Structure formats: C-alpha cells, structure tokens
Amino acid sequence: MKDTDKPLIWLHGEVKTPPFSGAGRIEAGYLLRRLQTGEKLALPHSRPMPSIGSRCHELRINDENRTWRIVYRLEEDAILILDVFEKKVQRTPKKVIENCKRRIRLYDLEVG
C-alpha cells in the first residue's frame, strides 16, 4: 500500500464477509483496491446510494449464481465499508439502509 492509498475500514463486529466464490472474492478485492487508490468508480461497477447518505455508494459484484453488494462511504482519508449483502430483489432492503445509516451515525460519533 502506498502512503496515498486510503485504508479500508471494516466496522468490527458489524460487517461479515459473505461466502464469495474465488472469482467473486478477486473481483471484490480488485474493485476495493481501485477505490483505495482514489479512482472514482461508476456503473456498472458502482452506483451512488443517496438514500443512505452523502458519499455513499454500492459496489456490484456478480458472482456465479449470486449477486452481492458492498455498501461503502468515501471518506477523505479512508473507505468505510458499511455492509455486504446478497442482492435478491431490485430494491435495496429497508433493513440494509437502516443498518448503514446507524453505522454511519455510530462511526461519526466515534471519530467526531
């Protein structure tokens, strides 16, 4: 990692790694690495999630017979990973949106 790269902040005890296939894990890692180097991703790899908050986006990982989403927020000095879930319906589940908003509130309180 270079000094200019942004670290990934996985919320301890909150976000669990899903059962990606080998190819899915490689794609997720590749896209996260691009974010760490400051690259701005757009569709089809990432899309904004204003329903969660400003600077929030979701990575789209197509993995064999499943579709995964990694919800993240771009910070000035880091990439905050808010949630990882299997996408089963077109709309993002309300529970995922609520959990992400709660995690942002807790994180912002902690780092102040």
N, C-alpha and C. Protein backbone atom coordinates (compact mmCIF):
# COMPACT_ATOMS: atom_id res chain seq x y z
N MET A 1 0.83 -1.18 0.00
CA MET A 1 0.00 0.00 0.00
C MET A 1 0.88 1.25 0.00
N LYS A 2 0.56 2.20 -0.83
CA LYS A 2 1.29 3.46 -0.88
C LYS A 2 0.77 4.39 0.21
N ASP A 3 1.57 5.38 0.56
CA ASP A 3 1.16 6.35 1.58
C ASP A 3 -0.11 7.10 1.18
N THR A 4 -0.34 7.24 -0.13
CA THR A 4 -1.51 7.98 -0.61
C THR A 4 -2.77 7.12 -0.69
N ASP A 5 -2.62 5.81 -0.53
CA ASP A 5 -3.78 4.91 -0.60
C ASP A 5 -4.65 5.06 0.64
N LYS A 6 -5.95 4.94 0.45
CA LYS A 6 -6.89 5.02 1.56
C LYS A 6 -7.11 3.63 2.15
N PRO A 7 -7.04 3.51 3.47
CA PRO A 7 -7.31 2.20 4.07
C PRO A 7 -8.80 1.87 4.01
N LEU A 8 -9.11 0.58 4.04
CA LEU A 8 -10.49 0.12 4.15
C LEU A 8 -10.80 0.00 5.63
N ILE A 9 -11.92 0.56 6.05
CA ILE A 9 -12.35 0.44 7.44
C ILE A 9 -13.58 -0.45 7.46
N TRP A 10 -13.39 -1.70 7.88
CA TRP A 10 -14.49 -2.65 8.06
C TRP A 10 -14.94 -2.51 9.49
N LEU A 11 -16.20 -2.21 9.71
CA LEU A 11 -16.68 -2.00 11.07
C LEU A 11 -16.61 -3.29 11.86
N HIS A 12 -15.76 -3.33 12.88
CA HIS A 12 -15.53 -4.53 13.68
C HIS A 12 -16.83 -5.01 14.32
N GLY A 13 -17.10 -6.28 14.13
CA GLY A 13 -18.28 -6.87 14.73
C GLY A 13 -19.58 -6.54 14.02
N GLU A 14 -19.49 -5.81 12.94
CA GLU A 14 -20.69 -5.39 12.23
C GLU A 14 -20.81 -6.03 10.85
N VAL A 15 -19.74 -6.01 10.08
CA VAL A 15 -19.79 -6.46 8.70
C VAL A 15 -19.09 -7.81 8.60
N LYS A 16 -19.79 -8.79 8.09
CA LYS A 16 -19.25 -10.14 7.93
C LYS A 16 -18.93 -10.38 6.45
N THR A 17 -17.87 -11.12 6.19
CA THR A 17 -17.51 -11.45 4.81
C THR A 17 -18.45 -12.53 4.30
N PRO A 18 -19.09 -12.30 3.16
CA PRO A 18 -20.01 -13.30 2.61
C PRO A 18 -19.25 -14.45 1.96
N PRO A 19 -19.95 -15.49 1.64
CA PRO A 19 -19.30 -16.65 1.00
C PRO A 19 -19.10 -16.44 -0.50
N PHE A 20 -18.24 -15.48 -0.85
CA PHE A 20 -17.91 -15.26 -2.25
C PHE A 20 -17.24 -16.51 -2.82
N SER A 21 -17.40 -16.73 -4.11
CA SER A 21 -16.57 -17.73 -4.80
C SER A 21 -15.17 -17.13 -4.93
N GLY A 22 -14.23 -17.92 -5.41
CA GLY A 22 -12.88 -17.40 -5.64
C GLY A 22 -12.89 -16.22 -6.60
N ALA A 23 -13.64 -16.35 -7.68
CA ALA A 23 -13.71 -15.27 -8.68
C ALA A 23 -14.39 -14.03 -8.10
N GLY A 24 -15.43 -14.23 -7.30
CA GLY A 24 -16.13 -13.11 -6.68
C GLY A 24 -15.23 -12.37 -5.70
N ARG A 25 -14.45 -13.12 -4.94
CA ARG A 25 -13.52 -12.52 -3.98
C ARG A 25 -12.45 -11.70 -4.71
N ILE A 26 -11.97 -12.22 -5.84
CA ILE A 26 -10.98 -11.49 -6.63
C ILE A 26 -11.58 -10.19 -7.18
N GLU A 27 -12.79 -10.27 -7.72
CA GLU A 27 -13.43 -9.06 -8.27
C GLU A 27 -13.67 -8.02 -7.18
N ALA A 28 -14.18 -8.46 -6.03
CA ALA A 28 -14.42 -7.53 -4.92
C ALA A 28 -13.11 -6.87 -4.49
N GLY A 29 -12.06 -7.67 -4.35
CA GLY A 29 -10.76 -7.13 -3.96
C GLY A 29 -10.21 -6.15 -4.98
N TYR A 30 -10.37 -6.48 -6.25
CA TYR A 30 -9.90 -5.62 -7.33
C TYR A 30 -10.62 -4.27 -7.31
N LEU A 31 -11.94 -4.28 -7.16
CA LEU A 31 -12.71 -3.03 -7.13
C LEU A 31 -12.40 -2.21 -5.88
N LEU A 32 -12.28 -2.88 -4.73
CA LEU A 32 -11.93 -2.17 -3.50
C LEU A 32 -10.54 -1.54 -3.61
N ARG A 33 -9.63 -2.26 -4.24
CA ARG A 33 -8.27 -1.72 -4.42
C ARG A 33 -8.29 -0.48 -5.29
N ARG A 34 -9.10 -0.49 -6.33
CA ARG A 34 -9.22 0.70 -7.19
C ARG A 34 -9.74 1.89 -6.40
N LEU A 35 -10.71 1.64 -5.51
CA LEU A 35 -11.21 2.71 -4.65
C LEU A 35 -10.11 3.24 -3.73
N GLN A 36 -9.32 2.33 -3.18
CA GLN A 36 -8.25 2.73 -2.27
C GLN A 36 -7.24 3.67 -2.93
N THR A 37 -7.02 3.50 -4.20
CA THR A 37 -6.05 4.34 -4.91
C THR A 37 -6.65 5.67 -5.36
N GLY A 38 -7.93 5.89 -5.03
CA GLY A 38 -8.56 7.16 -5.34
C GLY A 38 -9.38 7.19 -6.61
N GLU A 39 -9.47 6.05 -7.29
CA GLU A 39 -10.25 6.00 -8.52
C GLU A 39 -11.74 6.11 -8.20
N LYS A 40 -12.44 6.89 -8.98
CA LYS A 40 -13.89 7.01 -8.84
C LYS A 40 -14.53 5.98 -9.75
N LEU A 41 -15.33 5.09 -9.19
CA LEU A 41 -15.99 4.05 -9.98
C LEU A 41 -17.42 4.47 -10.30
N ALA A 42 -17.89 4.05 -11.45
CA ALA A 42 -19.25 4.34 -11.88
C ALA A 42 -19.89 3.04 -12.36
N LEU A 43 -21.12 3.14 -12.86
CA LEU A 43 -21.79 1.96 -13.40
C LEU A 43 -20.95 1.37 -14.52
N PRO A 44 -20.86 0.10 -14.64
CA PRO A 44 -21.66 -0.93 -13.98
C PRO A 44 -21.08 -1.42 -12.66
N HIS A 45 -19.93 -0.90 -12.24
CA HIS A 45 -19.29 -1.42 -11.03
C HIS A 45 -19.82 -0.80 -9.74
N SER A 46 -20.21 0.46 -9.78
CA SER A 46 -20.61 1.16 -8.57
C SER A 46 -21.68 2.18 -8.91
N ARG A 47 -22.55 2.43 -7.93
CA ARG A 47 -23.55 3.48 -8.13
C ARG A 47 -23.77 4.21 -6.82
N PRO A 48 -24.14 5.49 -6.87
CA PRO A 48 -24.39 6.26 -5.66
C PRO A 48 -25.60 5.73 -4.90
N MET A 49 -25.58 5.90 -3.59
CA MET A 49 -26.69 5.48 -2.72
C MET A 49 -27.11 6.67 -1.84
N PRO A 50 -27.71 7.71 -2.45
CA PRO A 50 -28.10 8.88 -1.66
C PRO A 50 -29.16 8.56 -0.61
N SER A 51 -29.89 7.46 -0.77
CA SER A 51 -30.88 7.07 0.23
C SER A 51 -30.21 6.71 1.56
N ILE A 52 -28.91 6.39 1.52
CA ILE A 52 -28.17 6.08 2.75
C ILE A 52 -27.48 7.34 3.27
N GLY A 53 -26.87 8.09 2.39
CA GLY A 53 -26.19 9.31 2.82
C GLY A 53 -25.27 9.84 1.75
N SER A 54 -24.74 11.02 2.00
CA SER A 54 -23.80 11.60 1.04
C SER A 54 -22.53 10.77 1.03
N ARG A 55 -21.90 10.71 -0.11
CA ARG A 55 -20.66 9.96 -0.35
C ARG A 55 -20.83 8.45 -0.20
N CYS A 56 -22.09 7.97 -0.16
CA CYS A 56 -22.35 6.53 -0.04
C CYS A 56 -22.62 5.94 -1.42
N HIS A 57 -22.10 4.73 -1.62
CA HIS A 57 -22.20 4.03 -2.90
C HIS A 57 -22.32 2.54 -2.63
N GLU A 58 -22.63 1.79 -3.69
CA GLU A 58 -22.59 0.34 -3.58
C GLU A 58 -21.78 -0.23 -4.72
N LEU A 59 -20.91 -1.18 -4.38
CA LEU A 59 -20.20 -1.96 -5.39
C LEU A 59 -21.10 -3.10 -5.80
N ARG A 60 -21.05 -3.45 -7.06
CA ARG A 60 -21.88 -4.53 -7.59
C ARG A 60 -20.98 -5.68 -8.00
N ILE A 61 -21.14 -6.80 -7.32
CA ILE A 61 -20.31 -7.97 -7.57
C ILE A 61 -21.21 -9.09 -8.10
N ASN A 62 -21.03 -9.47 -9.36
CA ASN A 62 -21.75 -10.60 -9.93
C ASN A 62 -20.88 -11.83 -9.73
N ASP A 63 -21.41 -12.79 -8.99
CA ASP A 63 -20.61 -13.93 -8.54
C ASP A 63 -21.35 -15.23 -8.83
N GLU A 64 -20.92 -15.92 -9.87
CA GLU A 64 -21.52 -17.19 -10.28
C GLU A 64 -23.05 -17.06 -10.31
N ASN A 65 -23.76 -17.66 -9.36
CA ASN A 65 -25.22 -17.60 -9.39
C ASN A 65 -25.79 -16.65 -8.34
N ARG A 66 -24.97 -15.75 -7.83
CA ARG A 66 -25.40 -14.77 -6.83
C ARG A 66 -24.94 -13.37 -7.23
N THR A 67 -25.62 -12.40 -6.68
CA THR A 67 -25.21 -11.01 -6.86
C THR A 67 -25.01 -10.40 -5.47
N TRP A 68 -23.85 -9.81 -5.26
CA TRP A 68 -23.50 -9.21 -3.97
C TRP A 68 -23.41 -7.71 -4.10
N ARG A 69 -23.63 -7.03 -2.98
CA ARG A 69 -23.45 -5.59 -2.89
C ARG A 69 -22.56 -5.29 -1.70
N ILE A 70 -21.63 -4.38 -1.89
CA ILE A 70 -20.80 -3.86 -0.81
C ILE A 70 -21.12 -2.37 -0.71
N VAL A 71 -21.75 -1.97 0.38
CA VAL A 71 -22.12 -0.57 0.57
C VAL A 71 -20.94 0.11 1.27
N TYR A 72 -20.53 1.25 0.72
CA TYR A 72 -19.38 1.96 1.28
C TYR A 72 -19.59 3.46 1.25
N ARG A 73 -18.82 4.16 2.09
CA ARG A 73 -18.83 5.62 2.09
C ARG A 73 -17.40 6.09 1.87
N LEU A 74 -17.26 7.04 0.96
CA LEU A 74 -15.95 7.62 0.68
C LEU A 74 -15.64 8.69 1.72
N GLU A 75 -14.58 8.46 2.47
CA GLU A 75 -14.09 9.45 3.42
C GLU A 75 -12.88 10.12 2.80
N GLU A 76 -12.47 11.24 3.34
CA GLU A 76 -11.30 11.93 2.82
C GLU A 76 -10.05 11.07 2.94
N ASP A 77 -9.99 10.29 4.04
CA ASP A 77 -8.77 9.54 4.31
C ASP A 77 -8.97 8.02 4.36
N ALA A 78 -10.17 7.54 4.00
CA ALA A 78 -10.45 6.10 4.10
C ALA A 78 -11.68 5.74 3.29
N ILE A 79 -11.88 4.43 3.13
CA ILE A 79 -13.10 3.88 2.55
C ILE A 79 -13.79 3.14 3.68
N LEU A 80 -14.97 3.59 4.06
CA LEU A 80 -15.73 2.99 5.16
C LEU A 80 -16.68 1.94 4.59
N ILE A 81 -16.48 0.68 4.96
CA ILE A 81 -17.36 -0.40 4.49
C ILE A 81 -18.53 -0.51 5.47
N LEU A 82 -19.74 -0.26 4.97
CA LEU A 82 -20.93 -0.22 5.82
C LEU A 82 -21.68 -1.54 5.88
N ASP A 83 -21.75 -2.27 4.76
CA ASP A 83 -22.50 -3.53 4.75
C ASP A 83 -22.13 -4.33 3.51
N VAL A 84 -22.33 -5.61 3.61
CA VAL A 84 -22.17 -6.54 2.49
C VAL A 84 -23.39 -7.45 2.52
N PHE A 85 -24.08 -7.55 1.40
CA PHE A 85 -25.28 -8.39 1.39
C PHE A 85 -25.52 -8.98 0.01
N GLU A 86 -26.28 -10.06 0.00
CA GLU A 86 -26.67 -10.69 -1.26
C GLU A 86 -27.90 -9.96 -1.78
N LYS A 87 -27.82 -9.54 -3.02
CA LYS A 87 -28.93 -8.82 -3.65
C LYS A 87 -29.90 -9.84 -4.22
N LYS A 88 -31.13 -9.85 -3.69
CA LYS A 88 -32.13 -10.82 -4.15
C LYS A 88 -33.32 -10.16 -4.83
N VAL A 89 -33.56 -8.89 -4.53
CA VAL A 89 -34.66 -8.14 -5.14
C VAL A 89 -34.11 -6.84 -5.71
N GLN A 90 -34.90 -6.18 -6.54
CA GLN A 90 -34.41 -4.97 -7.22
C GLN A 90 -34.08 -3.85 -6.24
N ARG A 91 -34.94 -3.61 -5.26
CA ARG A 91 -34.71 -2.52 -4.31
C ARG A 91 -33.82 -2.99 -3.17
N THR A 92 -33.00 -2.08 -2.68
CA THR A 92 -32.16 -2.39 -1.52
C THR A 92 -33.08 -2.56 -0.32
N PRO A 93 -32.96 -3.66 0.41
CA PRO A 93 -33.84 -3.89 1.57
C PRO A 93 -33.76 -2.74 2.59
N LYS A 94 -34.91 -2.40 3.14
CA LYS A 94 -35.00 -1.31 4.12
C LYS A 94 -34.08 -1.56 5.30
N LYS A 95 -33.97 -2.80 5.73
CA LYS A 95 -33.11 -3.13 6.87
C LYS A 95 -31.65 -2.80 6.58
N VAL A 96 -31.20 -3.05 5.35
CA VAL A 96 -29.82 -2.72 4.96
C VAL A 96 -29.61 -1.21 5.03
N ILE A 97 -30.55 -0.44 4.50
CA ILE A 97 -30.45 1.02 4.52
C ILE A 97 -30.41 1.53 5.96
N GLU A 98 -31.28 1.01 6.81
CA GLU A 98 -31.32 1.44 8.21
C GLU A 98 -30.03 1.08 8.94
N ASN A 99 -29.52 -0.14 8.71
CA ASN A 99 -28.26 -0.56 9.34
C ASN A 99 -27.10 0.34 8.90
N CYS A 100 -27.05 0.67 7.62
CA CYS A 100 -25.98 1.52 7.12
C CYS A 100 -26.05 2.92 7.76
N LYS A 101 -27.25 3.47 7.84
CA LYS A 101 -27.41 4.79 8.46
C LYS A 101 -26.99 4.75 9.93
N ARG A 102 -27.35 3.68 10.63
CA ARG A 102 -26.98 3.53 12.05
C ARG A 102 -25.46 3.43 12.18
N ARG A 103 -24.83 2.66 11.32
CA ARG A 103 -23.38 2.50 11.38
C ARG A 103 -22.67 3.82 11.10
N ILE A 104 -23.20 4.61 10.16
CA ILE A 104 -22.62 5.93 9.88
C ILE A 104 -22.72 6.82 11.11
N ARG A 105 -23.89 6.84 11.73
CA ARG A 105 -24.06 7.66 12.95
C ARG A 105 -23.06 7.27 14.02
N LEU A 106 -22.94 5.96 14.28
CA LEU A 106 -22.01 5.47 15.30
C LEU A 106 -20.56 5.81 14.93
N TYR A 107 -20.20 5.62 13.69
CA TYR A 107 -18.84 5.93 13.25
C TYR A 107 -18.55 7.42 13.41
N ASP A 108 -19.47 8.27 12.95
CA ASP A 108 -19.27 9.72 13.04
C ASP A 108 -19.14 10.18 14.49
N LEU A 109 -19.92 9.58 15.40
CA LEU A 109 -19.80 9.91 16.82
C LEU A 109 -18.44 9.51 17.38
N GLU A 110 -17.97 8.36 16.93
CA GLU A 110 -16.71 7.82 17.43
C GLU A 110 -15.50 8.63 16.97
N VAL A 111 -15.50 9.04 15.70
CA VAL A 111 -14.34 9.76 15.18
C VAL A 111 -14.50 11.27 15.31
N GLY A 112 -15.74 11.70 15.58
CA GLY A 112 -16.07 13.09 15.84
C GLY A 112 -15.51 14.05 14.92
